[in-house]
N, C-alpha and C. Protein backbone atom coordinates (compact mmCIF):
# COMPACT_ATOMS: atom_id res chain seq x y z
N UNK A 1 -3.24 -13.83 -30.89
CA UNK A 1 -2.43 -13.02 -30.00
C UNK A 1 -2.65 -13.42 -28.55
N UNK A 2 -3.88 -13.72 -28.18
CA UNK A 2 -4.16 -14.09 -26.81
C UNK A 2 -3.47 -15.40 -26.44
N UNK A 3 -3.47 -16.38 -27.36
CA UNK A 3 -2.77 -17.64 -27.09
C UNK A 3 -1.27 -17.41 -26.97
N UNK A 4 -0.75 -16.55 -27.82
CA UNK A 4 0.67 -16.21 -27.76
C UNK A 4 1.01 -15.55 -26.43
N UNK A 5 0.13 -14.65 -26.00
CA UNK A 5 0.33 -13.97 -24.73
C UNK A 5 0.30 -14.96 -23.56
N UNK A 6 -0.68 -15.88 -23.59
CA UNK A 6 -0.81 -16.88 -22.53
C UNK A 6 0.44 -17.76 -22.46
N UNK A 7 0.92 -18.18 -23.62
CA UNK A 7 2.10 -19.02 -23.67
C UNK A 7 3.33 -18.27 -23.14
N UNK A 8 3.49 -17.05 -23.59
CA UNK A 8 4.64 -16.24 -23.14
C UNK A 8 4.60 -16.03 -21.62
N UNK A 9 3.43 -15.71 -21.09
CA UNK A 9 3.31 -15.48 -19.65
C UNK A 9 3.53 -16.77 -18.87
N UNK A 10 3.08 -17.90 -19.41
CA UNK A 10 3.33 -19.20 -18.75
C UNK A 10 4.81 -19.49 -18.67
N UNK A 11 5.52 -19.18 -19.75
CA UNK A 11 6.97 -19.40 -19.76
C UNK A 11 7.64 -18.48 -18.73
N UNK A 12 7.25 -17.22 -18.69
CA UNK A 12 7.83 -16.29 -17.73
C UNK A 12 7.52 -16.72 -16.29
N UNK A 13 6.29 -17.16 -16.05
CA UNK A 13 5.91 -17.60 -14.70
C UNK A 13 6.74 -18.82 -14.29
N UNK A 14 6.95 -19.74 -15.22
CA UNK A 14 7.77 -20.92 -14.93
C UNK A 14 9.21 -20.54 -14.66
N UNK A 15 9.72 -19.61 -15.45
CA UNK A 15 11.10 -19.15 -15.26
C UNK A 15 11.27 -18.50 -13.89
N UNK A 16 10.33 -17.69 -13.49
CA UNK A 16 10.43 -17.05 -12.17
C UNK A 16 10.29 -18.07 -11.05
N UNK A 17 9.46 -19.09 -11.24
CA UNK A 17 9.37 -20.16 -10.23
C UNK A 17 10.71 -20.87 -10.10
N UNK A 18 11.39 -21.09 -11.24
CA UNK A 18 12.71 -21.72 -11.20
C UNK A 18 13.72 -20.81 -10.51
N UNK A 19 13.63 -19.51 -10.74
CA UNK A 19 14.53 -18.57 -10.07
C UNK A 19 14.27 -18.52 -8.56
N UNK A 20 13.00 -18.66 -8.15
CA UNK A 20 12.69 -18.73 -6.72
C UNK A 20 13.39 -19.94 -6.10
N UNK A 21 13.33 -21.07 -6.81
CA UNK A 21 13.98 -22.28 -6.31
C UNK A 21 15.49 -22.10 -6.25
N UNK A 22 16.07 -21.50 -7.29
CA UNK A 22 17.52 -21.27 -7.30
C UNK A 22 17.91 -20.31 -6.18
N UNK A 23 17.09 -19.28 -5.95
CA UNK A 23 17.37 -18.33 -4.88
C UNK A 23 17.32 -18.96 -3.51
N UNK A 24 16.52 -20.00 -3.35
CA UNK A 24 16.43 -20.69 -2.06
C UNK A 24 17.70 -21.47 -1.75
N UNK A 25 18.44 -21.86 -2.79
CA UNK A 25 19.69 -22.60 -2.57
C UNK A 25 20.79 -21.69 -2.03
N UNK A 26 20.66 -20.41 -2.25
CA UNK A 26 21.63 -19.46 -1.73
C UNK A 26 21.21 -19.08 -0.33
N UNK A 27 21.37 -20.00 0.60
CA UNK A 27 20.89 -19.82 1.97
C UNK A 27 22.05 -19.70 2.94
N UNK A 28 21.92 -18.75 3.86
CA UNK A 28 22.89 -18.59 4.94
C UNK A 28 22.14 -18.88 6.23
N UNK A 29 22.41 -20.03 6.87
CA UNK A 29 21.68 -20.37 8.09
C UNK A 29 22.13 -19.50 9.26
N UNK A 30 21.19 -18.74 9.82
CA UNK A 30 21.52 -17.89 10.98
C UNK A 30 20.56 -18.16 12.14
N UNK A 31 19.81 -19.23 12.05
CA UNK A 31 18.82 -19.57 13.08
C UNK A 31 17.72 -20.37 12.44
N UNK A 32 16.52 -20.34 13.02
CA UNK A 32 15.43 -21.13 12.46
C UNK A 32 14.98 -20.63 11.08
N UNK A 33 15.27 -19.37 10.75
CA UNK A 33 14.92 -18.80 9.46
C UNK A 33 16.21 -18.35 8.77
N UNK A 34 16.60 -19.02 7.65
CA UNK A 34 17.85 -18.66 6.99
C UNK A 34 17.69 -17.42 6.11
N UNK A 35 18.81 -16.77 5.80
CA UNK A 35 18.84 -15.69 4.83
C UNK A 35 18.86 -16.33 3.45
N UNK A 36 17.90 -15.97 2.59
CA UNK A 36 17.81 -16.54 1.25
C UNK A 36 17.56 -15.43 0.23
N UNK A 37 17.84 -15.76 -1.02
CA UNK A 37 17.61 -14.82 -2.11
C UNK A 37 16.24 -15.03 -2.75
N UNK A 38 15.54 -16.09 -2.37
CA UNK A 38 14.29 -16.43 -3.04
C UNK A 38 13.25 -15.34 -2.93
N UNK A 39 13.20 -14.61 -1.81
CA UNK A 39 12.15 -13.60 -1.71
C UNK A 39 12.33 -12.47 -2.71
N UNK A 40 13.56 -12.23 -3.18
CA UNK A 40 13.75 -11.23 -4.22
C UNK A 40 13.01 -11.66 -5.49
N UNK A 41 13.09 -12.94 -5.82
CA UNK A 41 12.42 -13.44 -7.02
C UNK A 41 10.91 -13.56 -6.81
N UNK A 42 10.50 -13.88 -5.58
CA UNK A 42 9.06 -13.89 -5.28
C UNK A 42 8.50 -12.49 -5.47
N UNK A 43 9.19 -11.48 -5.00
CA UNK A 43 8.73 -10.10 -5.14
C UNK A 43 8.80 -9.63 -6.59
N UNK A 44 9.77 -10.13 -7.33
CA UNK A 44 9.94 -9.74 -8.73
C UNK A 44 8.80 -10.28 -9.59
N UNK A 45 8.25 -11.43 -9.23
CA UNK A 45 7.19 -12.05 -10.04
C UNK A 45 5.99 -11.13 -10.25
N UNK A 46 5.37 -10.58 -9.21
CA UNK A 46 4.22 -9.71 -9.48
C UNK A 46 4.62 -8.37 -10.11
N UNK A 47 5.86 -7.93 -9.87
CA UNK A 47 6.30 -6.69 -10.51
C UNK A 47 6.36 -6.86 -12.02
N UNK A 48 6.88 -8.00 -12.46
CA UNK A 48 7.04 -8.24 -13.90
C UNK A 48 5.78 -8.80 -14.54
N UNK A 49 5.11 -9.70 -13.85
CA UNK A 49 4.03 -10.46 -14.47
C UNK A 49 2.64 -10.00 -14.06
N UNK A 50 2.55 -9.16 -13.05
CA UNK A 50 1.25 -8.76 -12.54
C UNK A 50 0.78 -9.71 -11.46
N UNK A 51 -0.33 -9.37 -10.86
CA UNK A 51 -0.85 -10.12 -9.72
C UNK A 51 -1.19 -11.56 -10.10
N UNK A 52 -1.91 -11.75 -11.18
CA UNK A 52 -2.38 -13.09 -11.56
C UNK A 52 -1.24 -14.03 -11.92
N UNK A 53 -0.38 -13.61 -12.81
CA UNK A 53 0.72 -14.47 -13.24
C UNK A 53 1.81 -14.57 -12.19
N UNK A 54 1.99 -13.53 -11.40
CA UNK A 54 2.94 -13.60 -10.28
C UNK A 54 2.49 -14.64 -9.27
N UNK A 55 1.20 -14.67 -9.00
CA UNK A 55 0.64 -15.66 -8.08
C UNK A 55 0.76 -17.06 -8.68
N UNK A 56 0.53 -17.19 -9.98
CA UNK A 56 0.69 -18.49 -10.64
C UNK A 56 2.12 -18.99 -10.51
N UNK A 57 3.07 -18.10 -10.69
CA UNK A 57 4.48 -18.46 -10.56
C UNK A 57 4.79 -18.94 -9.14
N UNK A 58 4.30 -18.21 -8.16
CA UNK A 58 4.52 -18.59 -6.77
C UNK A 58 3.86 -19.93 -6.45
N UNK A 59 2.66 -20.14 -6.95
CA UNK A 59 1.96 -21.40 -6.68
C UNK A 59 2.70 -22.59 -7.29
N UNK A 60 3.29 -22.41 -8.47
CA UNK A 60 4.10 -23.48 -9.07
C UNK A 60 5.27 -23.81 -8.15
N UNK A 61 5.92 -22.77 -7.65
CA UNK A 61 7.06 -22.96 -6.75
C UNK A 61 6.64 -23.68 -5.46
N UNK A 62 5.57 -23.20 -4.82
CA UNK A 62 5.12 -23.80 -3.56
C UNK A 62 4.63 -25.24 -3.77
N UNK A 63 3.95 -25.48 -4.88
CA UNK A 63 3.48 -26.83 -5.17
C UNK A 63 4.64 -27.78 -5.41
N UNK A 64 5.66 -27.31 -6.12
CA UNK A 64 6.84 -28.15 -6.34
C UNK A 64 7.48 -28.52 -5.01
N UNK A 65 7.59 -27.56 -4.12
CA UNK A 65 8.16 -27.83 -2.80
C UNK A 65 7.28 -28.75 -1.97
N UNK A 66 5.97 -28.54 -2.03
CA UNK A 66 5.05 -29.40 -1.26
C UNK A 66 5.09 -30.84 -1.75
N UNK A 67 5.37 -31.02 -3.04
CA UNK A 67 5.46 -32.38 -3.61
C UNK A 67 6.79 -33.06 -3.29
N UNK A 68 7.68 -32.35 -2.62
CA UNK A 68 8.93 -32.96 -2.19
C UNK A 68 10.15 -32.57 -2.99
N UNK A 69 9.98 -31.76 -4.03
CA UNK A 69 11.15 -31.31 -4.77
C UNK A 69 12.00 -30.41 -3.88
N UNK A 70 13.30 -30.49 -3.97
CA UNK A 70 14.18 -29.72 -3.06
C UNK A 70 14.33 -28.26 -3.49
N UNK A 71 13.24 -27.51 -3.38
CA UNK A 71 13.24 -26.12 -3.86
C UNK A 71 13.20 -25.08 -2.74
N UNK A 72 13.06 -25.53 -1.50
CA UNK A 72 13.02 -24.58 -0.39
C UNK A 72 14.43 -24.36 0.15
N UNK A 73 14.56 -23.44 1.08
CA UNK A 73 15.87 -23.06 1.63
C UNK A 73 16.68 -24.28 2.03
N UNK A 74 17.94 -24.27 1.64
CA UNK A 74 18.85 -25.35 1.99
C UNK A 74 18.60 -26.63 1.21
N UNK A 75 17.90 -26.55 0.07
CA UNK A 75 17.63 -27.73 -0.73
C UNK A 75 16.63 -28.67 -0.10
N UNK A 76 15.73 -28.14 0.69
CA UNK A 76 14.71 -28.96 1.36
C UNK A 76 13.41 -28.91 0.56
N UNK A 77 12.56 -29.88 0.82
CA UNK A 77 11.25 -29.93 0.19
C UNK A 77 10.32 -30.77 1.05
N UNK A 78 9.07 -30.84 0.64
CA UNK A 78 8.09 -31.65 1.35
C UNK A 78 7.06 -30.80 2.06
N UNK A 79 5.92 -31.40 2.25
CA UNK A 79 4.79 -30.71 2.89
C UNK A 79 5.11 -30.30 4.32
N UNK A 80 6.03 -31.03 4.96
CA UNK A 80 6.41 -30.72 6.34
C UNK A 80 7.04 -29.36 6.51
N UNK A 81 7.60 -28.81 5.44
CA UNK A 81 8.21 -27.47 5.53
C UNK A 81 7.16 -26.40 5.84
N UNK A 82 5.91 -26.68 5.49
CA UNK A 82 4.84 -25.71 5.73
C UNK A 82 4.41 -25.67 7.19
N UNK A 83 4.77 -26.69 7.96
CA UNK A 83 4.41 -26.69 9.37
C UNK A 83 5.63 -26.48 10.27
N UNK A 84 6.80 -26.29 9.65
CA UNK A 84 8.02 -26.00 10.40
C UNK A 84 8.16 -24.51 10.65
N UNK A 85 9.31 -24.10 11.20
CA UNK A 85 9.52 -22.69 11.54
C UNK A 85 9.40 -21.73 10.35
N UNK A 86 9.73 -22.19 9.14
CA UNK A 86 9.65 -21.30 7.98
C UNK A 86 8.30 -21.35 7.27
N UNK A 87 7.39 -22.18 7.75
CA UNK A 87 6.09 -22.33 7.09
C UNK A 87 5.30 -21.04 6.98
N UNK A 88 5.34 -20.22 8.00
CA UNK A 88 4.62 -18.95 7.95
C UNK A 88 5.16 -18.02 6.88
N UNK A 89 6.48 -18.09 6.65
CA UNK A 89 7.07 -17.27 5.60
C UNK A 89 6.70 -17.82 4.23
N UNK A 90 6.72 -19.14 4.08
CA UNK A 90 6.32 -19.73 2.79
C UNK A 90 4.89 -19.36 2.45
N UNK A 91 3.99 -19.51 3.41
CA UNK A 91 2.58 -19.16 3.16
C UNK A 91 2.39 -17.64 3.09
N UNK A 92 3.25 -16.90 3.77
CA UNK A 92 3.18 -15.44 3.73
C UNK A 92 3.52 -14.86 2.37
N UNK A 93 4.18 -15.66 1.53
CA UNK A 93 4.45 -15.20 0.17
C UNK A 93 3.16 -14.94 -0.60
N UNK A 94 2.10 -15.68 -0.31
CA UNK A 94 0.84 -15.52 -1.02
C UNK A 94 0.25 -14.11 -0.85
N UNK A 95 0.00 -13.65 0.39
CA UNK A 95 -0.51 -12.28 0.51
C UNK A 95 0.51 -11.24 0.05
N UNK A 96 1.80 -11.53 0.20
CA UNK A 96 2.82 -10.57 -0.25
C UNK A 96 2.72 -10.35 -1.76
N UNK A 97 2.63 -11.43 -2.51
CA UNK A 97 2.52 -11.33 -3.97
C UNK A 97 1.23 -10.61 -4.36
N UNK A 98 0.13 -10.95 -3.70
CA UNK A 98 -1.14 -10.29 -4.00
C UNK A 98 -1.07 -8.79 -3.73
N UNK A 99 -0.49 -8.41 -2.60
CA UNK A 99 -0.40 -6.98 -2.27
C UNK A 99 0.54 -6.24 -3.21
N UNK A 100 1.67 -6.84 -3.55
CA UNK A 100 2.59 -6.19 -4.49
C UNK A 100 1.88 -5.99 -5.83
N UNK A 101 1.18 -7.02 -6.28
CA UNK A 101 0.44 -6.91 -7.54
C UNK A 101 -0.63 -5.84 -7.49
N UNK A 102 -1.32 -5.73 -6.35
CA UNK A 102 -2.35 -4.68 -6.21
C UNK A 102 -1.77 -3.28 -6.28
N UNK A 103 -0.63 -3.08 -5.64
CA UNK A 103 -0.03 -1.74 -5.61
C UNK A 103 0.43 -1.31 -7.00
N UNK A 104 0.95 -2.24 -7.80
CA UNK A 104 1.51 -1.85 -9.10
C UNK A 104 0.56 -2.07 -10.27
N UNK A 105 -0.54 -2.80 -10.08
CA UNK A 105 -1.39 -3.15 -11.22
C UNK A 105 -2.08 -1.92 -11.81
N UNK A 106 -2.10 -1.92 -13.14
CA UNK A 106 -2.80 -0.86 -13.86
C UNK A 106 -2.13 0.49 -13.83
N UNK A 107 -0.93 0.54 -13.30
CA UNK A 107 -0.22 1.82 -13.21
C UNK A 107 1.04 1.79 -14.07
N UNK A 108 1.46 2.96 -14.49
CA UNK A 108 2.68 3.06 -15.27
C UNK A 108 3.85 2.63 -14.38
N UNK A 109 4.77 1.81 -14.92
CA UNK A 109 5.91 1.36 -14.10
C UNK A 109 6.70 2.53 -13.51
N UNK A 110 7.04 2.40 -12.24
CA UNK A 110 7.78 3.43 -11.53
C UNK A 110 8.66 2.75 -10.47
N UNK A 111 9.94 3.06 -10.47
CA UNK A 111 10.89 2.46 -9.55
C UNK A 111 10.42 2.60 -8.10
N UNK A 112 10.00 3.80 -7.70
CA UNK A 112 9.62 4.04 -6.30
C UNK A 112 8.31 3.36 -5.93
N UNK A 113 7.39 3.25 -6.90
CA UNK A 113 6.15 2.51 -6.64
C UNK A 113 6.47 1.03 -6.44
N UNK A 114 7.42 0.52 -7.23
CA UNK A 114 7.85 -0.87 -7.07
C UNK A 114 8.45 -1.09 -5.68
N UNK A 115 9.28 -0.15 -5.24
CA UNK A 115 9.88 -0.26 -3.91
C UNK A 115 8.79 -0.23 -2.84
N UNK A 116 7.86 0.70 -2.96
CA UNK A 116 6.75 0.78 -2.01
C UNK A 116 5.95 -0.52 -1.99
N UNK A 117 5.66 -1.06 -3.17
CA UNK A 117 4.90 -2.30 -3.26
C UNK A 117 5.61 -3.43 -2.53
N UNK A 118 6.93 -3.51 -2.70
CA UNK A 118 7.68 -4.59 -2.04
C UNK A 118 7.78 -4.37 -0.53
N UNK A 119 7.81 -3.13 -0.09
CA UNK A 119 7.78 -2.86 1.35
C UNK A 119 6.45 -3.33 1.93
N UNK A 120 5.36 -3.03 1.23
CA UNK A 120 4.03 -3.50 1.67
C UNK A 120 4.00 -5.03 1.68
N UNK A 121 4.55 -5.64 0.63
CA UNK A 121 4.61 -7.10 0.59
C UNK A 121 5.45 -7.67 1.71
N UNK A 122 6.55 -7.01 2.03
CA UNK A 122 7.42 -7.46 3.13
C UNK A 122 6.70 -7.41 4.47
N UNK A 123 5.90 -6.37 4.66
CA UNK A 123 5.14 -6.26 5.91
C UNK A 123 4.19 -7.45 6.04
N UNK A 124 3.50 -7.79 4.95
CA UNK A 124 2.59 -8.95 4.98
C UNK A 124 3.37 -10.23 5.22
N UNK A 125 4.52 -10.36 4.57
CA UNK A 125 5.35 -11.56 4.73
C UNK A 125 5.82 -11.70 6.17
N UNK A 126 6.32 -10.62 6.76
CA UNK A 126 6.78 -10.67 8.14
C UNK A 126 5.62 -10.92 9.11
N UNK A 127 4.46 -10.35 8.83
CA UNK A 127 3.31 -10.57 9.72
C UNK A 127 2.98 -12.06 9.78
N UNK A 128 2.93 -12.71 8.64
CA UNK A 128 2.63 -14.14 8.62
C UNK A 128 3.76 -14.96 9.23
N UNK A 129 4.98 -14.66 8.83
CA UNK A 129 6.12 -15.43 9.30
C UNK A 129 6.36 -15.31 10.79
N UNK A 130 6.26 -14.11 11.31
CA UNK A 130 6.50 -13.89 12.74
C UNK A 130 5.39 -14.50 13.60
N UNK A 131 4.16 -14.36 13.13
CA UNK A 131 3.05 -14.97 13.88
C UNK A 131 3.24 -16.49 13.93
N UNK A 132 3.67 -17.07 12.82
CA UNK A 132 3.90 -18.52 12.78
C UNK A 132 5.05 -18.92 13.70
N UNK A 133 6.14 -18.16 13.69
CA UNK A 133 7.26 -18.45 14.60
C UNK A 133 6.81 -18.40 16.05
N UNK A 134 6.00 -17.40 16.37
CA UNK A 134 5.50 -17.26 17.74
C UNK A 134 4.69 -18.49 18.15
N UNK A 135 3.83 -18.94 17.24
CA UNK A 135 2.96 -20.09 17.55
C UNK A 135 3.75 -21.39 17.59
N UNK A 136 4.50 -21.66 16.54
CA UNK A 136 5.20 -22.95 16.39
C UNK A 136 6.30 -23.14 17.43
N UNK A 137 7.10 -22.11 17.64
CA UNK A 137 8.23 -22.23 18.56
C UNK A 137 7.94 -21.70 19.95
N UNK A 138 6.76 -21.15 20.15
CA UNK A 138 6.39 -20.63 21.46
C UNK A 138 7.17 -19.39 21.86
N UNK A 139 7.60 -18.63 20.86
CA UNK A 139 8.37 -17.42 21.13
C UNK A 139 7.47 -16.30 21.64
N UNK A 140 8.06 -15.39 22.38
CA UNK A 140 7.39 -14.13 22.68
C UNK A 140 7.50 -13.28 21.40
N UNK A 141 6.72 -12.19 21.36
CA UNK A 141 6.81 -11.32 20.18
C UNK A 141 8.22 -10.75 20.04
N UNK A 142 8.83 -10.35 21.14
CA UNK A 142 10.18 -9.77 21.04
C UNK A 142 11.18 -10.80 20.54
N UNK A 143 11.06 -12.04 20.99
CA UNK A 143 11.96 -13.11 20.52
C UNK A 143 11.71 -13.41 19.04
N UNK A 144 10.44 -13.46 18.64
CA UNK A 144 10.12 -13.71 17.23
C UNK A 144 10.69 -12.61 16.34
N UNK A 145 10.58 -11.36 16.78
CA UNK A 145 11.16 -10.24 16.02
C UNK A 145 12.68 -10.35 15.95
N UNK A 146 13.30 -10.72 17.07
CA UNK A 146 14.76 -10.82 17.12
C UNK A 146 15.28 -11.94 16.24
N UNK A 147 14.53 -13.02 16.13
CA UNK A 147 14.98 -14.19 15.36
C UNK A 147 14.49 -14.13 13.91
N UNK A 148 13.27 -13.64 13.70
CA UNK A 148 12.65 -13.74 12.39
C UNK A 148 12.58 -12.48 11.57
N UNK A 149 12.98 -11.33 12.12
CA UNK A 149 12.88 -10.10 11.33
C UNK A 149 14.13 -9.23 11.38
N UNK A 150 14.56 -8.86 12.58
CA UNK A 150 15.66 -7.88 12.69
C UNK A 150 16.92 -8.27 11.92
N UNK A 151 17.35 -9.54 11.95
CA UNK A 151 18.58 -9.88 11.21
C UNK A 151 18.44 -9.77 9.69
N UNK A 152 17.21 -9.66 9.19
CA UNK A 152 16.98 -9.70 7.75
C UNK A 152 16.68 -8.35 7.13
N UNK A 153 16.47 -7.32 7.93
CA UNK A 153 16.00 -6.05 7.41
C UNK A 153 16.98 -5.39 6.43
N UNK A 154 18.25 -5.37 6.75
CA UNK A 154 19.23 -4.73 5.86
C UNK A 154 19.33 -5.50 4.55
N UNK A 155 19.41 -6.82 4.64
CA UNK A 155 19.46 -7.63 3.42
C UNK A 155 18.20 -7.48 2.59
N UNK A 156 17.05 -7.40 3.24
CA UNK A 156 15.80 -7.22 2.51
C UNK A 156 15.76 -5.87 1.81
N UNK A 157 16.30 -4.85 2.43
CA UNK A 157 16.36 -3.54 1.78
C UNK A 157 17.18 -3.62 0.50
N UNK A 158 18.31 -4.29 0.54
CA UNK A 158 19.13 -4.46 -0.66
C UNK A 158 18.39 -5.27 -1.72
N UNK A 159 17.71 -6.34 -1.29
CA UNK A 159 16.98 -7.18 -2.25
C UNK A 159 15.82 -6.41 -2.89
N UNK A 160 15.17 -5.55 -2.12
CA UNK A 160 14.07 -4.75 -2.67
C UNK A 160 14.58 -3.78 -3.72
N UNK A 161 15.68 -3.11 -3.43
CA UNK A 161 16.25 -2.17 -4.41
C UNK A 161 16.72 -2.93 -5.65
N UNK A 162 17.35 -4.08 -5.45
CA UNK A 162 17.82 -4.89 -6.58
C UNK A 162 16.65 -5.37 -7.43
N UNK A 163 15.57 -5.83 -6.79
CA UNK A 163 14.40 -6.30 -7.53
C UNK A 163 13.74 -5.16 -8.31
N UNK A 164 13.67 -3.97 -7.71
CA UNK A 164 13.09 -2.82 -8.40
C UNK A 164 13.94 -2.44 -9.61
N UNK A 165 15.27 -2.49 -9.45
CA UNK A 165 16.16 -2.19 -10.57
C UNK A 165 16.04 -3.25 -11.67
N UNK A 166 15.95 -4.52 -11.26
CA UNK A 166 15.77 -5.60 -12.24
C UNK A 166 14.45 -5.44 -12.99
N UNK A 167 13.39 -5.13 -12.27
CA UNK A 167 12.08 -4.95 -12.91
C UNK A 167 12.14 -3.81 -13.92
N UNK A 168 12.79 -2.73 -13.56
CA UNK A 168 12.91 -1.59 -14.47
C UNK A 168 13.67 -1.98 -15.73
N UNK A 169 14.72 -2.78 -15.57
CA UNK A 169 15.53 -3.20 -16.71
C UNK A 169 14.84 -4.27 -17.55
N UNK A 170 14.13 -5.18 -16.91
CA UNK A 170 13.57 -6.33 -17.62
C UNK A 170 12.23 -6.04 -18.31
N UNK A 171 11.46 -5.11 -17.81
CA UNK A 171 10.15 -4.85 -18.42
C UNK A 171 10.25 -4.55 -19.92
N UNK A 172 11.16 -3.66 -20.35
CA UNK A 172 11.23 -3.41 -21.80
C UNK A 172 11.71 -4.63 -22.59
N UNK A 173 12.61 -5.40 -22.02
CA UNK A 173 13.14 -6.58 -22.70
C UNK A 173 12.06 -7.65 -22.85
N UNK A 174 11.31 -7.87 -21.78
CA UNK A 174 10.26 -8.88 -21.79
C UNK A 174 8.99 -8.39 -22.47
N UNK A 175 8.94 -7.11 -22.76
CA UNK A 175 7.77 -6.47 -23.36
C UNK A 175 6.52 -6.72 -22.53
N UNK A 176 6.68 -6.54 -21.23
CA UNK A 176 5.55 -6.69 -20.31
C UNK A 176 5.26 -5.32 -19.72
N UNK A 177 4.06 -4.90 -19.88
CA UNK A 177 3.59 -3.72 -19.16
C UNK A 177 2.09 -3.86 -18.98
N UNK A 178 1.54 -3.06 -18.12
CA UNK A 178 0.13 -3.23 -17.77
C UNK A 178 -0.78 -2.98 -18.96
N UNK A 179 -0.43 -2.05 -19.86
CA UNK A 179 -1.28 -1.75 -21.00
C UNK A 179 -1.30 -2.91 -21.98
N UNK A 180 -0.11 -3.45 -22.30
CA UNK A 180 -0.04 -4.57 -23.24
C UNK A 180 -0.73 -5.80 -22.67
N UNK A 181 -0.54 -6.04 -21.39
CA UNK A 181 -1.16 -7.21 -20.76
C UNK A 181 -2.67 -7.08 -20.77
N UNK A 182 -3.16 -5.90 -20.46
CA UNK A 182 -4.61 -5.69 -20.42
C UNK A 182 -5.21 -5.83 -21.81
N UNK A 183 -4.55 -5.29 -22.84
CA UNK A 183 -5.11 -5.39 -24.19
C UNK A 183 -5.05 -6.82 -24.71
N UNK A 184 -3.98 -7.54 -24.39
CA UNK A 184 -3.87 -8.94 -24.84
C UNK A 184 -4.91 -9.81 -24.14
N UNK A 185 -5.14 -9.56 -22.86
CA UNK A 185 -6.11 -10.35 -22.12
C UNK A 185 -7.54 -10.04 -22.58
N UNK A 186 -7.78 -8.79 -23.01
CA UNK A 186 -9.12 -8.39 -23.43
C UNK A 186 -9.45 -8.86 -24.84
N UNK A 187 -8.43 -9.13 -25.65
CA UNK A 187 -8.67 -9.54 -27.02
C UNK A 187 -9.28 -10.94 -27.06
N UNK A 188 -10.35 -11.13 -27.82
CA UNK A 188 -10.99 -12.44 -27.86
C UNK A 188 -10.07 -13.48 -28.48
N UNK A 189 -10.16 -14.72 -27.98
CA UNK A 189 -9.36 -15.81 -28.51
C UNK A 189 -9.74 -16.05 -29.96
N UNK A 190 -8.74 -16.36 -30.76
CA UNK A 190 -8.99 -16.65 -32.17
C UNK A 190 -8.93 -15.42 -33.04
N UNK A 191 -8.90 -14.24 -32.49
CA UNK A 191 -8.80 -13.01 -33.27
C UNK A 191 -7.34 -12.78 -33.61
N UNK A 192 -6.99 -12.94 -34.85
CA UNK A 192 -5.59 -12.75 -35.27
C UNK A 192 -5.39 -11.38 -35.85
N UNK A 193 -6.40 -10.59 -35.87
CA UNK A 193 -6.50 -9.23 -36.25
C UNK A 193 -5.57 -8.61 -37.09
């Protein structure tokens, strides 16, 4: 059962990494930071898979982009994206996923808890992204907020609600919940019980 669980979670993590890449192609350039759908899938990963597998999914996505695959916004890739204007947002996904996973881990699924978790994740994402914009482009804080946050807030609110609704719908289909994941992870390997 544990091997089956590991395989299933690996497949789900890979699928979400692919969805992150697909979401990055849906980009609307409005300045140095484009509007993309990828953060909805980044936020969905820890909601569906938990902190550990959500982070694994994100790392697959970031590694693919760092290796040059065109998985970042606008079909871009390469290690240079991490030092460009969007680099802080790409790296900010790491604490966002960890925080979302912390807020929802070990608790019964709840739409409003999912929304709260993604708001917390968004705060971490914006903190990293805005600080990076300020440093890299030499923006003032007000300019960084005007370019890197304010234009995205309404869209992010819609993406958060959509991701929470998707998580609520997909959890029963994927048979992922904190209790099943914890029991599968705790079961010793080789026990077919």
